[in-house]
Amino acid sequence: MRPYLMIVLWPAFLMACVATGLFFSLVDPMEMIVLDQRIKISVQGAYTIGFFVFWLLGILSSGLTALLAQKFR
């Protein structure tokens, strides 16, 4: 079980790093608007939340891939 956890978490972490860098190089966190409201959070807070959201998406993607690869063995 543990090796599968790292097989899922490590690629998700790497992709979260890349996705955060790309996203926030194009989008200024201080100008983000959600539901017609400006986000009232610090820049570092926006980077942190963005990183964890991208990491969660990567975990879901890698986890699904690992699950499907296990089923077809």
PDB file of N, CA and C in Angstrom:
ATOM      1  N   MET A   1       0.823  -1.204   0.000  1.00  0.00           N
ATOM      2  CA  MET A   1       0.000   0.000   0.000  1.00  0.00           C
ATOM      3  C   MET A   1       0.858   1.256   0.000  1.00  0.00           C
ATOM      4  N   ARG A   2       1.929   1.296   0.788  1.00  0.00           N
ATOM      5  CA  ARG A   2       2.751   2.498   0.876  1.00  0.00           C
ATOM      6  C   ARG A   2       3.432   2.877  -0.439  1.00  0.00           C
ATOM      7  N   PRO A   3       3.985   1.933  -1.189  1.00  0.00           N
ATOM      8  CA  PRO A   3       4.602   2.344  -2.451  1.00  0.00           C
ATOM      9  C   PRO A   3       3.601   3.004  -3.391  1.00  0.00           C
ATOM     10  N   TYR A   4       2.348   2.535  -3.371  1.00  0.00           N
ATOM     11  CA  TYR A   4       1.340   3.143  -4.242  1.00  0.00           C
ATOM     12  C   TYR A   4       1.037   4.571  -3.812  1.00  0.00           C
ATOM     13  N   LEU A   5       1.095   4.817  -2.521  1.00  0.00           N
ATOM     14  CA  LEU A   5       0.858   6.171  -2.026  1.00  0.00           C
ATOM     15  C   LEU A   5       1.911   7.134  -2.578  1.00  0.00           C
ATOM     16  N   MET A   6       3.167   6.744  -2.540  1.00  0.00           N
ATOM     17  CA  MET A   6       4.221   7.610  -3.060  1.00  0.00           C
ATOM     18  C   MET A   6       4.187   7.689  -4.587  1.00  0.00           C
ATOM     19  N   ILE A   7       3.763   6.596  -5.226  1.00  0.00           N
ATOM     20  CA  ILE A   7       3.629   6.616  -6.689  1.00  0.00           C
ATOM     21  C   ILE A   7       2.568   7.622  -7.098  1.00  0.00           C
ATOM     22  N   VAL A   8       1.579   7.835  -6.258  1.00  0.00           N
ATOM     23  CA  VAL A   8       0.516   8.798  -6.557  1.00  0.00           C
ATOM     24  C   VAL A   8       0.919  10.208  -6.130  1.00  0.00           C
ATOM     25  N   LEU A   9       1.474  10.353  -4.929  1.00  0.00           N
ATOM     26  CA  LEU A   9       1.736  11.690  -4.386  1.00  0.00           C
ATOM     27  C   LEU A   9       2.908  12.417  -5.047  1.00  0.00           C
ATOM     28  N   TRP A  10       3.976  11.696  -5.372  1.00  0.00           N
ATOM     29  CA  TRP A  10       5.164  12.365  -5.919  1.00  0.00           C
ATOM     30  C   TRP A  10       4.914  13.003  -7.280  1.00  0.00           C
ATOM     31  N   PRO A  11       4.355  12.299  -8.274  1.00  0.00           N
ATOM     32  CA  PRO A  11       4.093  12.973  -9.552  1.00  0.00           C
ATOM     33  C   PRO A  11       3.072  14.099  -9.408  1.00  0.00           C
ATOM     34  N   ALA A  12       2.107  13.924  -8.503  1.00  0.00           N
ATOM     35  CA  ALA A  12       1.121  14.979  -8.280  1.00  0.00           C
ATOM     36  C   ALA A  12       1.791  16.225  -7.709  1.00  0.00           C
ATOM     37  N   PHE A  13       2.746  16.032  -6.802  1.00  0.00           N
ATOM     38  CA  PHE A  13       3.483  17.157  -6.224  1.00  0.00           C
ATOM     39  C   PHE A  13       4.285  17.896  -7.296  1.00  0.00           C
ATOM     40  N   LEU A  14       4.973  17.130  -8.132  1.00  0.00           N
ATOM     41  CA  LEU A  14       5.778  17.759  -9.185  1.00  0.00           C
ATOM     42  C   LEU A  14       4.904  18.556 -10.152  1.00  0.00           C
ATOM     43  N   MET A  15       3.769  17.991 -10.527  1.00  0.00           N
ATOM     44  CA  MET A  15       2.880  18.698 -11.445  1.00  0.00           C
ATOM     45  C   MET A  15       2.234  19.914 -10.779  1.00  0.00           C
ATOM     46  N   ALA A  16       1.981  19.842  -9.475  1.00  0.00           N
ATOM     47  CA  ALA A  16       1.440  20.997  -8.758  1.00  0.00           C
ATOM     48  C   ALA A  16       2.451  22.139  -8.760  1.00  0.00           C
ATOM     49  N   CYS A  17       3.735  21.803  -8.632  1.00  0.00           N
ATOM     50  CA  CYS A  17       4.780  22.844  -8.706  1.00  0.00           C
ATOM     51  C   CYS A  17       4.772  23.522 -10.066  1.00  0.00           C
ATOM     52  N   VAL A  18       4.728  22.733 -11.111  1.00  0.00           N
ATOM     53  CA  VAL A  18       4.738  23.281 -12.471  1.00  0.00           C
ATOM     54  C   VAL A  18       3.455  24.070 -12.739  1.00  0.00           C
ATOM     55  N   ALA A  19       2.308  23.505 -12.377  1.00  0.00           N
ATOM     56  CA  ALA A  19       1.030  24.167 -12.639  1.00  0.00           C
ATOM     57  C   ALA A  19       0.909  25.481 -11.874  1.00  0.00           C
ATOM     58  N   THR A  20       1.382  25.509 -10.635  1.00  0.00           N
ATOM     59  CA  THR A  20       1.342  26.740  -9.850  1.00  0.00           C
ATOM     60  C   THR A  20       2.210  27.807 -10.488  1.00  0.00           C
ATOM     61  N   GLY A  21       3.407  27.420 -10.908  1.00  0.00           N
ATOM     62  CA  GLY A  21       4.299  28.381 -11.555  1.00  0.00           C
ATOM     63  C   GLY A  21       3.709  28.934 -12.837  1.00  0.00           C
ATOM     64  N   LEU A  22       3.158  28.067 -13.663  1.00  0.00           N
ATOM     65  CA  LEU A  22       2.561  28.523 -14.922  1.00  0.00           C
ATOM     66  C   LEU A  22       1.320  29.378 -14.691  1.00  0.00           C
ATOM     67  N   PHE A  23       0.448  28.925 -13.811  1.00  0.00           N
ATOM     68  CA  PHE A  23      -0.802  29.653 -13.578  1.00  0.00           C
ATOM     69  C   PHE A  23      -0.548  31.048 -13.023  1.00  0.00           C
ATOM     70  N   PHE A  24       0.297  31.133 -11.999  1.00  0.00           N
ATOM     71  CA  PHE A  24       0.504  32.423 -11.364  1.00  0.00           C
ATOM     72  C   PHE A  24       1.497  33.306 -12.118  1.00  0.00           C
ATOM     73  N   SER A  25       2.151  32.781 -13.151  1.00  0.00           N
ATOM     74  CA  SER A  25       2.928  33.667 -14.018  1.00  0.00           C
ATOM     75  C   SER A  25       2.001  34.376 -15.012  1.00  0.00           C
ATOM     76  N   LEU A  26       0.806  33.829 -15.205  1.00  0.00           N
ATOM     77  CA  LEU A  26      -0.171  34.437 -16.110  1.00  0.00           C
ATOM     78  C   LEU A  26      -1.267  35.209 -15.383  1.00  0.00           C
ATOM     79  N   VAL A  27      -1.567  34.852 -14.136  1.00  0.00           N
ATOM     80  CA  VAL A  27      -2.677  35.436 -13.384  1.00  0.00           C
ATOM     81  C   VAL A  27      -2.149  36.104 -12.124  1.00  0.00           C
ATOM     82  N   ASP A  28      -2.540  37.352 -11.921  1.00  0.00           N
ATOM     83  CA  ASP A  28      -2.174  38.069 -10.705  1.00  0.00           C
ATOM     84  C   ASP A  28      -3.197  37.741  -9.620  1.00  0.00           C
ATOM     85  N   PRO A  29      -2.776  37.194  -8.479  1.00  0.00           N
ATOM     86  CA  PRO A  29      -3.735  36.809  -7.440  1.00  0.00           C
ATOM     87  C   PRO A  29      -4.536  37.998  -6.896  1.00  0.00           C
ATOM     88  N   MET A  30      -3.986  39.196  -6.965  1.00  0.00           N
ATOM     89  CA  MET A  30      -4.694  40.358  -6.436  1.00  0.00           C
ATOM     90  C   MET A  30      -5.811  40.819  -7.378  1.00  0.00           C
ATOM     91  N   GLU A  31      -5.840  40.322  -8.596  1.00  0.00           N
ATOM     92  CA  GLU A  31      -6.884  40.708  -9.553  1.00  0.00           C
ATOM     93  C   GLU A  31      -7.876  39.587  -9.825  1.00  0.00           C
ATOM     94  N   MET A  32      -7.807  38.504  -9.060  1.00  0.00           N
ATOM     95  CA  MET A  32      -8.722  37.385  -9.273  1.00  0.00           C
ATOM     96  C   MET A  32     -10.104  37.729  -8.728  1.00  0.00           C
ATOM     97  N   ILE A  33     -11.121  37.389  -9.505  1.00  0.00           N
ATOM     98  CA  ILE A  33     -12.505  37.644  -9.119  1.00  0.00           C
ATOM     99  C   ILE A  33     -13.253  36.313  -9.159  1.00  0.00           C
ATOM    100  N   VAL A  34     -13.920  35.992  -8.059  1.00  0.00           N
ATOM    101  CA  VAL A  34     -14.716  34.772  -7.965  1.00  0.00           C
ATOM    102  C   VAL A  34     -16.131  35.179  -7.568  1.00  0.00           C
ATOM    103  N   LEU A  35     -17.108  34.782  -8.371  1.00  0.00           N
ATOM    104  CA  LEU A  35     -18.511  35.114  -8.127  1.00  0.00           C
ATOM    105  C   LEU A  35     -18.717  36.615  -7.939  1.00  0.00           C
ATOM    106  N   ASP A  36     -18.145  37.390  -8.840  1.00  0.00           N
ATOM    107  CA  ASP A  36     -18.254  38.856  -8.847  1.00  0.00           C
ATOM    108  C   ASP A  36     -17.703  39.516  -7.590  1.00  0.00           C
ATOM    109  N   GLN A  37     -16.808  38.851  -6.890  1.00  0.00           N
ATOM    110  CA  GLN A  37     -16.171  39.406  -5.701  1.00  0.00           C
ATOM    111  C   GLN A  37     -14.662  39.269  -5.836  1.00  0.00           C
ATOM    112  N   ARG A  38     -13.947  40.333  -5.532  1.00  0.00           N
ATOM    113  CA  ARG A  38     -12.485  40.221  -5.491  1.00  0.00           C
ATOM    114  C   ARG A  38     -12.083  39.349  -4.313  1.00  0.00           C
ATOM    115  N   ILE A  39     -11.060  38.538  -4.523  1.00  0.00           N
ATOM    116  CA  ILE A  39     -10.577  37.675  -3.448  1.00  0.00           C
ATOM    117  C   ILE A  39      -9.782  38.535  -2.465  1.00  0.00           C
ATOM    118  N   LYS A  40     -10.172  38.472  -1.210  1.00  0.00           N
ATOM    119  CA  LYS A  40      -9.492  39.262  -0.171  1.00  0.00           C
ATOM    120  C   LYS A  40      -8.566  38.336   0.613  1.00  0.00           C
ATOM    121  N   ILE A  41      -7.434  38.041   0.007  1.00  0.00           N
ATOM    122  CA  ILE A  41      -6.447  37.154   0.621  1.00  0.00           C
ATOM    123  C   ILE A  41      -5.066  37.662   0.209  1.00  0.00           C
ATOM    124  N   SER A  42      -4.076  37.363   1.022  1.00  0.00           N
ATOM    125  CA  SER A  42      -2.722  37.800   0.688  1.00  0.00           C
ATOM    126  C   SER A  42      -2.213  37.041  -0.534  1.00  0.00           C
ATOM    127  N   VAL A  43      -1.196  37.592  -1.155  1.00  0.00           N
ATOM    128  CA  VAL A  43      -0.616  36.947  -2.336  1.00  0.00           C
ATOM    129  C   VAL A  43      -0.068  35.579  -1.968  1.00  0.00           C
ATOM    130  N   GLN A  44       0.639  35.496  -0.856  1.00  0.00           N
ATOM    131  CA  GLN A  44       1.198  34.214  -0.421  1.00  0.00           C
ATOM    132  C   GLN A  44       0.094  33.211  -0.104  1.00  0.00           C
ATOM    133  N   GLY A  45      -1.007  33.681   0.466  1.00  0.00           N
ATOM    134  CA  GLY A  45      -2.142  32.801   0.737  1.00  0.00           C
ATOM    135  C   GLY A  45      -2.754  32.266  -0.551  1.00  0.00           C
ATOM    136  N   ALA A  46      -2.851  33.118  -1.565  1.00  0.00           N
ATOM    137  CA  ALA A  46      -3.389  32.677  -2.859  1.00  0.00           C
ATOM    138  C   ALA A  46      -2.468  31.644  -3.494  1.00  0.00           C
ATOM    139  N   TYR A  47      -1.151  31.862  -3.406  1.00  0.00           N
ATOM    140  CA  TYR A  47      -0.200  30.887  -3.947  1.00  0.00           C
ATOM    141  C   TYR A  47      -0.334  29.543  -3.222  1.00  0.00           C
ATOM    142  N   THR A  48      -0.480  29.594  -1.910  1.00  0.00           N
ATOM    143  CA  THR A  48      -0.587  28.372  -1.119  1.00  0.00           C
ATOM    144  C   THR A  48      -1.854  27.605  -1.458  1.00  0.00           C
ATOM    145  N   ILE A  49      -2.986  28.309  -1.490  1.00  0.00           N
ATOM    146  CA  ILE A  49      -4.250  27.651  -1.823  1.00  0.00           C
ATOM    147  C   ILE A  49      -4.202  27.103  -3.243  1.00  0.00           C
ATOM    148  N   GLY A  50      -3.651  27.875  -4.165  1.00  0.00           N
ATOM    149  CA  GLY A  50      -3.524  27.412  -5.547  1.00  0.00           C
ATOM    150  C   GLY A  50      -2.672  26.162  -5.642  1.00  0.00           C
ATOM    151  N   PHE A  51      -1.558  26.131  -4.925  1.00  0.00           N
ATOM    152  CA  PHE A  51      -0.691  24.956  -4.943  1.00  0.00           C
ATOM    153  C   PHE A  51      -1.438  23.718  -4.455  1.00  0.00           C
ATOM    154  N   PHE A  52      -2.158  23.839  -3.341  1.00  0.00           N
ATOM    155  CA  PHE A  52      -2.857  22.682  -2.800  1.00  0.00           C
ATOM    156  C   PHE A  52      -4.022  22.246  -3.693  1.00  0.00           C
ATOM    157  N   VAL A  53      -4.666  23.187  -4.358  1.00  0.00           N
ATOM    158  CA  VAL A  53      -5.726  22.813  -5.307  1.00  0.00           C
ATOM    159  C   VAL A  53      -5.125  22.043  -6.483  1.00  0.00           C
ATOM    160  N   PHE A  54      -4.007  22.533  -7.022  1.00  0.00           N
ATOM    161  CA  PHE A  54      -3.354  21.819  -8.115  1.00  0.00           C
ATOM    162  C   PHE A  54      -2.832  20.457  -7.656  1.00  0.00           C
ATOM    163  N   TRP A  55      -2.347  20.379  -6.429  1.00  0.00           N
ATOM    164  CA  TRP A  55      -1.858  19.106  -5.907  1.00  0.00           C
ATOM    165  C   TRP A  55      -3.016  18.115  -5.762  1.00  0.00           C
ATOM    166  N   LEU A  56      -4.153  18.583  -5.272  1.00  0.00           N
ATOM    167  CA  LEU A  56      -5.322  17.713  -5.148  1.00  0.00           C
ATOM    168  C   LEU A  56      -5.770  17.199  -6.516  1.00  0.00           C
ATOM    169  N   LEU A  57      -5.775  18.069  -7.519  1.00  0.00           N
ATOM    170  CA  LEU A  57      -6.126  17.626  -8.870  1.00  0.00           C
ATOM    171  C   LEU A  57      -5.132  16.587  -9.380  1.00  0.00           C
ATOM    172  N   GLY A  58      -3.861  16.785  -9.095  1.00  0.00           N
ATOM    173  CA  GLY A  58      -2.841  15.818  -9.491  1.00  0.00           C
ATOM    174  C   GLY A  58      -2.991  14.498  -8.765  1.00  0.00           C
ATOM    175  N   ILE A  59      -3.352  14.548  -7.486  1.00  0.00           N
ATOM    176  CA  ILE A  59      -3.577  13.327  -6.721  1.00  0.00           C
ATOM    177  C   ILE A  59      -4.745  12.547  -7.302  1.00  0.00           C
ATOM    178  N   LEU A  60      -5.815  13.244  -7.651  1.00  0.00           N
ATOM    179  CA  LEU A  60      -6.964  12.565  -8.255  1.00  0.00           C
ATOM    180  C   LEU A  60      -6.587  11.927  -9.582  1.00  0.00           C
ATOM    181  N   SER A  61      -5.833  12.646 -10.386  1.00  0.00           N
ATOM    182  CA  SER A  61      -5.426  12.120 -11.686  1.00  0.00           C
ATOM    183  C   SER A  61      -4.475  10.930 -11.538  1.00  0.00           C
ATOM    184  N   SER A  62      -3.455  11.073 -10.726  1.00  0.00           N
ATOM    185  CA  SER A  62      -2.496   9.982 -10.528  1.00  0.00           C
ATOM    186  C   SER A  62      -3.139   8.787  -9.840  1.00  0.00           C
ATOM    187  N   GLY A  63      -4.031   9.049  -8.904  1.00  0.00           N
ATOM    188  CA  GLY A  63      -4.718   7.968  -8.216  1.00  0.00           C
ATOM    189  C   GLY A  63      -5.600   7.162  -9.155  1.00  0.00           C
ATOM    190  N   LEU A  64      -6.294   7.851 -10.027  1.00  0.00           N
ATOM    191  CA  LEU A  64      -7.126   7.161 -11.006  1.00  0.00           C
ATOM    192  C   LEU A  64      -6.273   6.333 -11.961  1.00  0.00           C
ATOM    193  N   THR A  65      -5.145   6.892 -12.376  1.00  0.00           N
ATOM    194  CA  THR A  65      -4.232   6.149 -13.251  1.00  0.00           C
ATOM    195  C   THR A  65      -3.697   4.903 -12.552  1.00  0.00           C
ATOM    196  N   ALA A  66      -3.285   5.032 -11.293  1.00  0.00           N
ATOM    197  CA  ALA A  66      -2.772   3.877 -10.544  1.00  0.00           C
ATOM    198  C   ALA A  66      -3.867   2.838 -10.337  1.00  0.00           C
ATOM    199  N   LEU A  67      -5.068   3.277 -10.071  1.00  0.00           N
ATOM    200  CA  LEU A  67      -6.186   2.350  -9.877  1.00  0.00           C
ATOM    201  C   LEU A  67      -6.482   1.592 -11.169  1.00  0.00           C
ATOM    202  N   LEU A  68      -6.523   2.289 -12.296  1.00  0.00           N
ATOM    203  CA  LEU A  68      -6.799   1.629 -13.560  1.00  0.00           C
ATOM    204  C   LEU A  68      -5.660   0.702 -13.979  1.00  0.00           C
ATOM    205  N   ALA A  69      -4.424   1.100 -13.697  1.00  0.00           N
ATOM    206  CA  ALA A  69      -3.289   0.246 -14.031  1.00  0.00           C
ATOM    207  C   ALA A  69      -3.310  -1.033 -13.206  1.00  0.00           C
ATOM    208  N   GLN A  70      -3.776  -0.941 -11.974  1.00  0.00           N
ATOM    209  CA  GLN A  70      -3.865  -2.106 -11.100  1.00  0.00           C
ATOM    210  C   GLN A  70      -4.963  -3.061 -11.591  1.00  0.00           C
ATOM    211  N   LYS A  71      -6.048  -2.517 -12.089  1.00  0.00           N
ATOM    212  CA  LYS A  71      -7.167  -3.336 -12.539  1.00  0.00           C
ATOM    213  C   LYS A  71      -6.814  -4.152 -13.777  1.00  0.00           C
ATOM    214  N   PHE A  72      -5.919  -3.631 -14.625  1.00  0.00           N
ATOM    215  CA  PHE A  72      -5.594  -4.298 -15.878  1.00  0.00           C
ATOM    216  C   PHE A  72      -4.403  -5.228 -15.784  1.00  0.00           C
ATOM    217  N   ARG A  73      -3.877  -5.455 -14.617  1.00  0.00           N
ATOM    218  CA  ARG A  73      -2.735  -6.373 -14.445  1.00  0.00           C
ATOM    219  C   ARG A  73      -3.180  -7.791 -14.423  1.00  0.00           C
TER     220      ARG A  73
END
